[in-house]
Amino acid sequence: MKSCRILVVLVLVFSLFGCAGMSRTEQRILSGSAIGTAAGVGAAAIVGGSLAVGAVAGAAAGAVGGVVVDQLQK
């Protein structure tokens, strides 16, 4: 259990440092994809569909949303 916590902390730390050099567009696409993935999995779980299909569809929709938001902010 303790090694699992250490692994989770390391993943979080490395993910924070990995985003530091990204452009605003890349950050918006990544965050849109993450939010879309979570929403897609949640929706698939509620309706009883495939979680993988929900994750892929949500990630794609979130990435498109991130691009649209980026274009609106410019």
PDB file of N, CA and C in Angstrom:
ATOM      1  N   MET A   1       0.814  -1.189   0.000  1.00  0.00           N
ATOM      2  CA  MET A   1       0.000   0.000   0.000  1.00  0.00           C
ATOM      3  C   MET A   1       0.861   1.258   0.000  1.00  0.00           C
ATOM      4  N   LYS A   2       1.965   1.206   0.767  1.00  0.00           N
ATOM      5  CA  LYS A   2       2.833   2.373   0.847  1.00  0.00           C
ATOM      6  C   LYS A   2       3.525   2.636  -0.489  1.00  0.00           C
ATOM      7  N   SER A   3       3.923   1.575  -1.195  1.00  0.00           N
ATOM      8  CA  SER A   3       4.570   1.766  -2.490  1.00  0.00           C
ATOM      9  C   SER A   3       3.588   2.330  -3.515  1.00  0.00           C
ATOM     10  N   CYS A   4       2.319   2.010  -3.371  1.00  0.00           N
ATOM     11  CA  CYS A   4       1.304   2.556  -4.268  1.00  0.00           C
ATOM     12  C   CYS A   4       1.159   4.067  -4.070  1.00  0.00           C
ATOM     13  N   ARG A   5       1.186   4.508  -2.825  1.00  0.00           N
ATOM     14  CA  ARG A   5       1.110   5.948  -2.542  1.00  0.00           C
ATOM     15  C   ARG A   5       2.313   6.680  -3.102  1.00  0.00           C
ATOM     16  N   ILE A   6       3.484   6.092  -2.944  1.00  0.00           N
ATOM     17  CA  ILE A   6       4.699   6.712  -3.468  1.00  0.00           C
ATOM     18  C   ILE A   6       4.612   6.818  -4.984  1.00  0.00           C
ATOM     19  N   LEU A   7       4.127   5.788  -5.625  1.00  0.00           N
ATOM     20  CA  LEU A   7       3.987   5.801  -7.074  1.00  0.00           C
ATOM     21  C   LEU A   7       3.012   6.883  -7.524  1.00  0.00           C
ATOM     22  N   VAL A   8       1.898   7.019  -6.838  1.00  0.00           N
ATOM     23  CA  VAL A   8       0.913   8.046  -7.184  1.00  0.00           C
ATOM     24  C   VAL A   8       1.512   9.435  -7.018  1.00  0.00           C
ATOM     25  N   VAL A   9       2.232   9.659  -5.946  1.00  0.00           N
ATOM     26  CA  VAL A   9       2.860  10.963  -5.719  1.00  0.00           C
ATOM     27  C   VAL A   9       3.882  11.257  -6.808  1.00  0.00           C
ATOM     28  N   LEU A  10       4.689  10.275  -7.176  1.00  0.00           N
ATOM     29  CA  LEU A  10       5.682  10.481  -8.230  1.00  0.00           C
ATOM     30  C   LEU A  10       5.027  10.804  -9.570  1.00  0.00           C
ATOM     31  N   VAL A  11       3.958  10.107  -9.891  1.00  0.00           N
ATOM     32  CA  VAL A  11       3.249  10.381 -11.148  1.00  0.00           C
ATOM     33  C   VAL A  11       2.701  11.802 -11.156  1.00  0.00           C
ATOM     34  N   LEU A  12       2.122  12.229 -10.050  1.00  0.00           N
ATOM     35  CA  LEU A  12       1.592  13.592  -9.973  1.00  0.00           C
ATOM     36  C   LEU A  12       2.692  14.645 -10.101  1.00  0.00           C
ATOM     37  N   VAL A  13       3.809  14.427  -9.438  1.00  0.00           N
ATOM     38  CA  VAL A  13       4.915  15.386  -9.507  1.00  0.00           C
ATOM     39  C   VAL A  13       5.464  15.473 -10.920  1.00  0.00           C
ATOM     40  N   PHE A  14       5.690  14.327 -11.552  1.00  0.00           N
ATOM     41  CA  PHE A  14       6.225  14.344 -12.908  1.00  0.00           C
ATOM     42  C   PHE A  14       5.239  14.930 -13.905  1.00  0.00           C
ATOM     43  N   SER A  15       3.956  14.725 -13.692  1.00  0.00           N
ATOM     44  CA  SER A  15       2.975  15.303 -14.611  1.00  0.00           C
ATOM     45  C   SER A  15       2.938  16.819 -14.480  1.00  0.00           C
ATOM     46  N   LEU A  16       3.149  17.337 -13.294  1.00  0.00           N
ATOM     47  CA  LEU A  16       3.192  18.790 -13.121  1.00  0.00           C
ATOM     48  C   LEU A  16       4.396  19.396 -13.820  1.00  0.00           C
ATOM     49  N   PHE A  17       5.543  18.766 -13.694  1.00  0.00           N
ATOM     50  CA  PHE A  17       6.729  19.281 -14.344  1.00  0.00           C
ATOM     51  C   PHE A  17       6.667  19.098 -15.859  1.00  0.00           C
ATOM     52  N   GLY A  18       5.983  18.082 -16.315  1.00  0.00           N
ATOM     53  CA  GLY A  18       5.865  17.835 -17.744  1.00  0.00           C
ATOM     54  C   GLY A  18       5.057  18.890 -18.458  1.00  0.00           C
ATOM     55  N   CYS A  19       4.135  19.529 -17.773  1.00  0.00           N
ATOM     56  CA  CYS A  19       3.279  20.555 -18.378  1.00  0.00           C
ATOM     57  C   CYS A  19       3.911  21.935 -18.349  1.00  0.00           C
ATOM     58  N   ALA A  20       5.037  22.079 -17.678  1.00  0.00           N
ATOM     59  CA  ALA A  20       5.634  23.403 -17.495  1.00  0.00           C
ATOM     60  C   ALA A  20       6.120  24.011 -18.812  1.00  0.00           C
ATOM     61  N   GLY A  21       6.592  23.203 -19.730  1.00  0.00           N
ATOM     62  CA  GLY A  21       7.130  23.730 -20.974  1.00  0.00           C
ATOM     63  C   GLY A  21       6.145  23.746 -22.127  1.00  0.00           C
ATOM     64  N   MET A  22       4.888  23.517 -21.840  1.00  0.00           N
ATOM     65  CA  MET A  22       3.893  23.444 -22.908  1.00  0.00           C
ATOM     66  C   MET A  22       3.343  24.830 -23.239  1.00  0.00           C
ATOM     67  N   SER A  23       2.956  25.003 -24.493  1.00  0.00           N
ATOM     68  CA  SER A  23       2.317  26.252 -24.893  1.00  0.00           C
ATOM     69  C   SER A  23       0.892  26.283 -24.359  1.00  0.00           C
ATOM     70  N   ARG A  24       0.260  27.443 -24.438  1.00  0.00           N
ATOM     71  CA  ARG A  24      -1.126  27.573 -23.979  1.00  0.00           C
ATOM     72  C   ARG A  24      -2.048  26.654 -24.767  1.00  0.00           C
ATOM     73  N   THR A  25      -1.812  26.548 -26.064  1.00  0.00           N
ATOM     74  CA  THR A  25      -2.644  25.674 -26.899  1.00  0.00           C
ATOM     75  C   THR A  25      -2.520  24.227 -26.451  1.00  0.00           C
ATOM     76  N   GLU A  26      -1.295  23.772 -26.239  1.00  0.00           N
ATOM     77  CA  GLU A  26      -1.073  22.399 -25.796  1.00  0.00           C
ATOM     78  C   GLU A  26      -1.704  22.148 -24.432  1.00  0.00           C
ATOM     79  N   GLN A  27      -1.611  23.115 -23.534  1.00  0.00           N
ATOM     80  CA  GLN A  27      -2.212  22.956 -22.213  1.00  0.00           C
ATOM     81  C   GLN A  27      -3.732  22.845 -22.313  1.00  0.00           C
ATOM     82  N   ARG A  28      -4.338  23.651 -23.174  1.00  0.00           N
ATOM     83  CA  ARG A  28      -5.794  23.604 -23.317  1.00  0.00           C
ATOM     84  C   ARG A  28      -6.250  22.299 -23.962  1.00  0.00           C
ATOM     85  N   ILE A  29      -5.494  21.809 -24.937  1.00  0.00           N
ATOM     86  CA  ILE A  29      -5.844  20.535 -25.569  1.00  0.00           C
ATOM     87  C   ILE A  29      -5.714  19.401 -24.556  1.00  0.00           C
ATOM     88  N   LEU A  30      -4.649  19.403 -23.783  1.00  0.00           N
ATOM     89  CA  LEU A  30      -4.434  18.350 -22.790  1.00  0.00           C
ATOM     90  C   LEU A  30      -5.507  18.372 -21.709  1.00  0.00           C
ATOM     91  N   SER A  31      -5.806  19.561 -21.202  1.00  0.00           N
ATOM     92  CA  SER A  31      -6.830  19.624 -20.151  1.00  0.00           C
ATOM     93  C   SER A  31      -8.205  19.282 -20.703  1.00  0.00           C
ATOM     94  N   GLY A  32      -8.490  19.709 -21.926  1.00  0.00           N
ATOM     95  CA  GLY A  32      -9.764  19.338 -22.548  1.00  0.00           C
ATOM     96  C   GLY A  32      -9.877  17.838 -22.743  1.00  0.00           C
ATOM     97  N   SER A  33      -8.787  17.214 -23.151  1.00  0.00           N
ATOM     98  CA  SER A  33      -8.789  15.760 -23.330  1.00  0.00           C
ATOM     99  C   SER A  33      -8.988  15.033 -22.009  1.00  0.00           C
ATOM    100  N   ALA A  34      -8.329  15.512 -20.953  1.00  0.00           N
ATOM    101  CA  ALA A  34      -8.468  14.870 -19.638  1.00  0.00           C
ATOM    102  C   ALA A  34      -9.902  14.996 -19.116  1.00  0.00           C
ATOM    103  N   ILE A  35     -10.460  16.176 -19.240  1.00  0.00           N
ATOM    104  CA  ILE A  35     -11.837  16.382 -18.775  1.00  0.00           C
ATOM    105  C   ILE A  35     -12.801  15.569 -19.627  1.00  0.00           C
ATOM    106  N   GLY A  36     -12.574  15.558 -20.941  1.00  0.00           N
ATOM    107  CA  GLY A  36     -13.430  14.777 -21.835  1.00  0.00           C
ATOM    108  C   GLY A  36     -13.349  13.288 -21.572  1.00  0.00           C
ATOM    109  N   THR A  37     -12.157  12.794 -21.265  1.00  0.00           N
ATOM    110  CA  THR A  37     -12.000  11.378 -20.945  1.00  0.00           C
ATOM    111  C   THR A  37     -12.802  11.012 -19.704  1.00  0.00           C
ATOM    112  N   ALA A  38     -12.673  11.832 -18.680  1.00  0.00           N
ATOM    113  CA  ALA A  38     -13.417  11.569 -17.448  1.00  0.00           C
ATOM    114  C   ALA A  38     -14.926  11.614 -17.696  1.00  0.00           C
ATOM    115  N   ALA A  39     -15.370  12.601 -18.458  1.00  0.00           N
ATOM    116  CA  ALA A  39     -16.801  12.717 -18.754  1.00  0.00           C
ATOM    117  C   ALA A  39     -17.282  11.546 -19.604  1.00  0.00           C
ATOM    118  N   GLY A  40     -16.472  11.134 -20.569  1.00  0.00           N
ATOM    119  CA  GLY A  40     -16.845  10.014 -21.432  1.00  0.00           C
ATOM    120  C   GLY A  40     -16.945   8.704 -20.670  1.00  0.00           C
ATOM    121  N   VAL A  41     -15.999   8.466 -19.782  1.00  0.00           N
ATOM    122  CA  VAL A  41     -16.039   7.250 -18.965  1.00  0.00           C
ATOM    123  C   VAL A  41     -17.242   7.281 -18.030  1.00  0.00           C
ATOM    124  N   GLY A  42     -17.487   8.446 -17.442  1.00  0.00           N
ATOM    125  CA  GLY A  42     -18.638   8.581 -16.555  1.00  0.00           C
ATOM    126  C   GLY A  42     -19.952   8.345 -17.279  1.00  0.00           C
ATOM    127  N   ALA A  43     -20.075   8.920 -18.465  1.00  0.00           N
ATOM    128  CA  ALA A  43     -21.304   8.735 -19.241  1.00  0.00           C
ATOM    129  C   ALA A  43     -21.464   7.277 -19.659  1.00  0.00           C
ATOM    130  N   ALA A  44     -20.368   6.642 -20.075  1.00  0.00           N
ATOM    131  CA  ALA A  44     -20.445   5.240 -20.475  1.00  0.00           C
ATOM    132  C   ALA A  44     -20.822   4.346 -19.301  1.00  0.00           C
ATOM    133  N   ALA A  45     -20.317   4.676 -18.130  1.00  0.00           N
ATOM    134  CA  ALA A  45     -20.658   3.884 -16.945  1.00  0.00           C
ATOM    135  C   ALA A  45     -22.131   4.036 -16.588  1.00  0.00           C
ATOM    136  N   ILE A  46     -22.662   5.220 -16.762  1.00  0.00           N
ATOM    137  CA  ILE A  46     -24.063   5.463 -16.425  1.00  0.00           C
ATOM    138  C   ILE A  46     -24.998   4.735 -17.386  1.00  0.00           C
ATOM    139  N   VAL A  47     -24.687   4.808 -18.691  1.00  0.00           N
ATOM    140  CA  VAL A  47     -25.585   4.194 -19.674  1.00  0.00           C
ATOM    141  C   VAL A  47     -25.272   2.728 -19.925  1.00  0.00           C
ATOM    142  N   GLY A  48     -24.190   2.217 -19.345  1.00  0.00           N
ATOM    143  CA  GLY A  48     -23.856   0.806 -19.490  1.00  0.00           C
ATOM    144  C   GLY A  48     -23.089   0.478 -20.758  1.00  0.00           C
ATOM    145  N   GLY A  49     -22.437   1.455 -21.342  1.00  0.00           N
ATOM    146  CA  GLY A  49     -21.653   1.216 -22.551  1.00  0.00           C
ATOM    147  C   GLY A  49     -20.227   0.822 -22.225  1.00  0.00           C
ATOM    148  N   SER A  50     -19.430   0.720 -23.264  1.00  0.00           N
ATOM    149  CA  SER A  50     -18.018   0.369 -23.117  1.00  0.00           C
ATOM    150  C   SER A  50     -17.249   1.561 -22.551  1.00  0.00           C
ATOM    151  N   LEU A  51     -16.507   1.329 -21.490  1.00  0.00           N
ATOM    152  CA  LEU A  51     -15.727   2.408 -20.888  1.00  0.00           C
ATOM    153  C   LEU A  51     -14.624   2.891 -21.818  1.00  0.00           C
ATOM    154  N   ALA A  52     -14.028   1.976 -22.573  1.00  0.00           N
ATOM    155  CA  ALA A  52     -12.961   2.354 -23.499  1.00  0.00           C
ATOM    156  C   ALA A  52     -13.492   3.260 -24.605  1.00  0.00           C
ATOM    157  N   VAL A  53     -14.647   2.921 -25.146  1.00  0.00           N
ATOM    158  CA  VAL A  53     -15.244   3.752 -26.197  1.00  0.00           C
ATOM    159  C   VAL A  53     -15.602   5.119 -25.624  1.00  0.00           C
ATOM    160  N   GLY A  54     -16.143   5.138 -24.411  1.00  0.00           N
ATOM    161  CA  GLY A  54     -16.464   6.410 -23.765  1.00  0.00           C
ATOM    162  C   GLY A  54     -15.234   7.261 -23.534  1.00  0.00           C
ATOM    163  N   ALA A  55     -14.141   6.627 -23.135  1.00  0.00           N
ATOM    164  CA  ALA A  55     -12.901   7.356 -22.891  1.00  0.00           C
ATOM    165  C   ALA A  55     -12.340   7.955 -24.175  1.00  0.00           C
ATOM    166  N   VAL A  56     -12.332   7.168 -25.246  1.00  0.00           N
ATOM    167  CA  VAL A  56     -11.796   7.654 -26.528  1.00  0.00           C
ATOM    168  C   VAL A  56     -12.667   8.769 -27.090  1.00  0.00           C
ATOM    169  N   ALA A  57     -13.971   8.572 -27.058  1.00  0.00           N
ATOM    170  CA  ALA A  57     -14.880   9.599 -27.586  1.00  0.00           C
ATOM    171  C   ALA A  57     -14.786  10.874 -26.752  1.00  0.00           C
ATOM    172  N   GLY A  58     -14.727  10.726 -25.451  1.00  0.00           N
ATOM    173  CA  GLY A  58     -14.608  11.891 -24.588  1.00  0.00           C
ATOM    174  C   GLY A  58     -13.298  12.633 -24.777  1.00  0.00           C
ATOM    175  N   ALA A  59     -12.208  11.886 -24.939  1.00  0.00           N
ATOM    176  CA  ALA A  59     -10.907  12.515 -25.156  1.00  0.00           C
ATOM    177  C   ALA A  59     -10.877  13.282 -26.470  1.00  0.00           C
ATOM    178  N   ALA A  60     -11.462  12.694 -27.510  1.00  0.00           N
ATOM    179  CA  ALA A  60     -11.503  13.379 -28.806  1.00  0.00           C
ATOM    180  C   ALA A  60     -12.344  14.646 -28.735  1.00  0.00           C
ATOM    181  N   ALA A  61     -13.503  14.546 -28.111  1.00  0.00           N
ATOM    182  CA  ALA A  61     -14.368  15.717 -27.972  1.00  0.00           C
ATOM    183  C   ALA A  61     -13.701  16.784 -27.104  1.00  0.00           C
ATOM    184  N   GLY A  62     -13.024  16.374 -26.059  1.00  0.00           N
ATOM    185  CA  GLY A  62     -12.329  17.324 -25.199  1.00  0.00           C
ATOM    186  C   GLY A  62     -11.180  18.015 -25.902  1.00  0.00           C
ATOM    187  N   ALA A  63     -10.445  17.282 -26.741  1.00  0.00           N
ATOM    188  CA  ALA A  63      -9.349  17.889 -27.499  1.00  0.00           C
ATOM    189  C   ALA A  63      -9.879  18.938 -28.468  1.00  0.00           C
ATOM    190  N   VAL A  64     -10.974  18.615 -29.134  1.00  0.00           N
ATOM    191  CA  VAL A  64     -11.590  19.586 -30.043  1.00  0.00           C
ATOM    192  C   VAL A  64     -12.060  20.806 -29.251  1.00  0.00           C
ATOM    193  N   GLY A  65     -12.658  20.560 -28.101  1.00  0.00           N
ATOM    194  CA  GLY A  65     -13.081  21.666 -27.248  1.00  0.00           C
ATOM    195  C   GLY A  65     -11.914  22.526 -26.811  1.00  0.00           C
ATOM    196  N   GLY A  66     -10.780  21.912 -26.509  1.00  0.00           N
ATOM    197  CA  GLY A  66      -9.587  22.664 -26.137  1.00  0.00           C
ATOM    198  C   GLY A  66      -9.084  23.547 -27.268  1.00  0.00           C
ATOM    199  N   VAL A  67      -9.134  23.045 -28.494  1.00  0.00           N
ATOM    200  CA  VAL A  67      -8.717  23.838 -29.654  1.00  0.00           C
ATOM    201  C   VAL A  67      -9.675  25.018 -29.857  1.00  0.00           C
ATOM    202  N   VAL A  68     -10.969  24.749 -29.734  1.00  0.00           N
ATOM    203  CA  VAL A  68     -11.964  25.811 -29.920  1.00  0.00           C
ATOM    204  C   VAL A  68     -11.778  26.903 -28.867  1.00  0.00           C
ATOM    205  N   VAL A  69     -11.608  26.508 -27.613  1.00  0.00           N
ATOM    206  CA  VAL A  69     -11.399  27.495 -26.549  1.00  0.00           C
ATOM    207  C   VAL A  69     -10.131  28.287 -26.809  1.00  0.00           C
ATOM    208  N   ASP A  70      -9.080  27.624 -27.277  1.00  0.00           N
ATOM    209  CA  ASP A  70      -7.832  28.318 -27.569  1.00  0.00           C
ATOM    210  C   ASP A  70      -8.034  29.352 -28.671  1.00  0.00           C
ATOM    211  N   GLN A  71      -8.771  28.987 -29.705  1.00  0.00           N
ATOM    212  CA  GLN A  71      -9.007  29.926 -30.796  1.00  0.00           C
ATOM    213  C   GLN A  71      -9.860  31.109 -30.341  1.00  0.00           C
ATOM    214  N   LEU A  72     -10.798  30.872 -29.450  1.00  0.00           N
ATOM    215  CA  LEU A  72     -11.631  31.960 -28.941  1.00  0.00           C
ATOM    216  C   LEU A  72     -10.835  32.911 -28.051  1.00  0.00           C
ATOM    217  N   GLN A  73      -9.819  32.387 -27.358  1.00  0.00           N
ATOM    218  CA  GLN A  73      -9.015  33.210 -26.461  1.00  0.00           C
ATOM    219  C   GLN A  73      -8.015  34.082 -27.208  1.00  0.00           C
ATOM    220  N   LYS A  74      -7.729  33.759 -28.457  1.00  0.00           N
ATOM    221  CA  LYS A  74      -6.717  34.523 -29.226  1.00  0.00           C
ATOM    222  C   LYS A  74      -7.284  35.766 -29.813  1.00  0.00           C
TER     223      LYS A  74
END
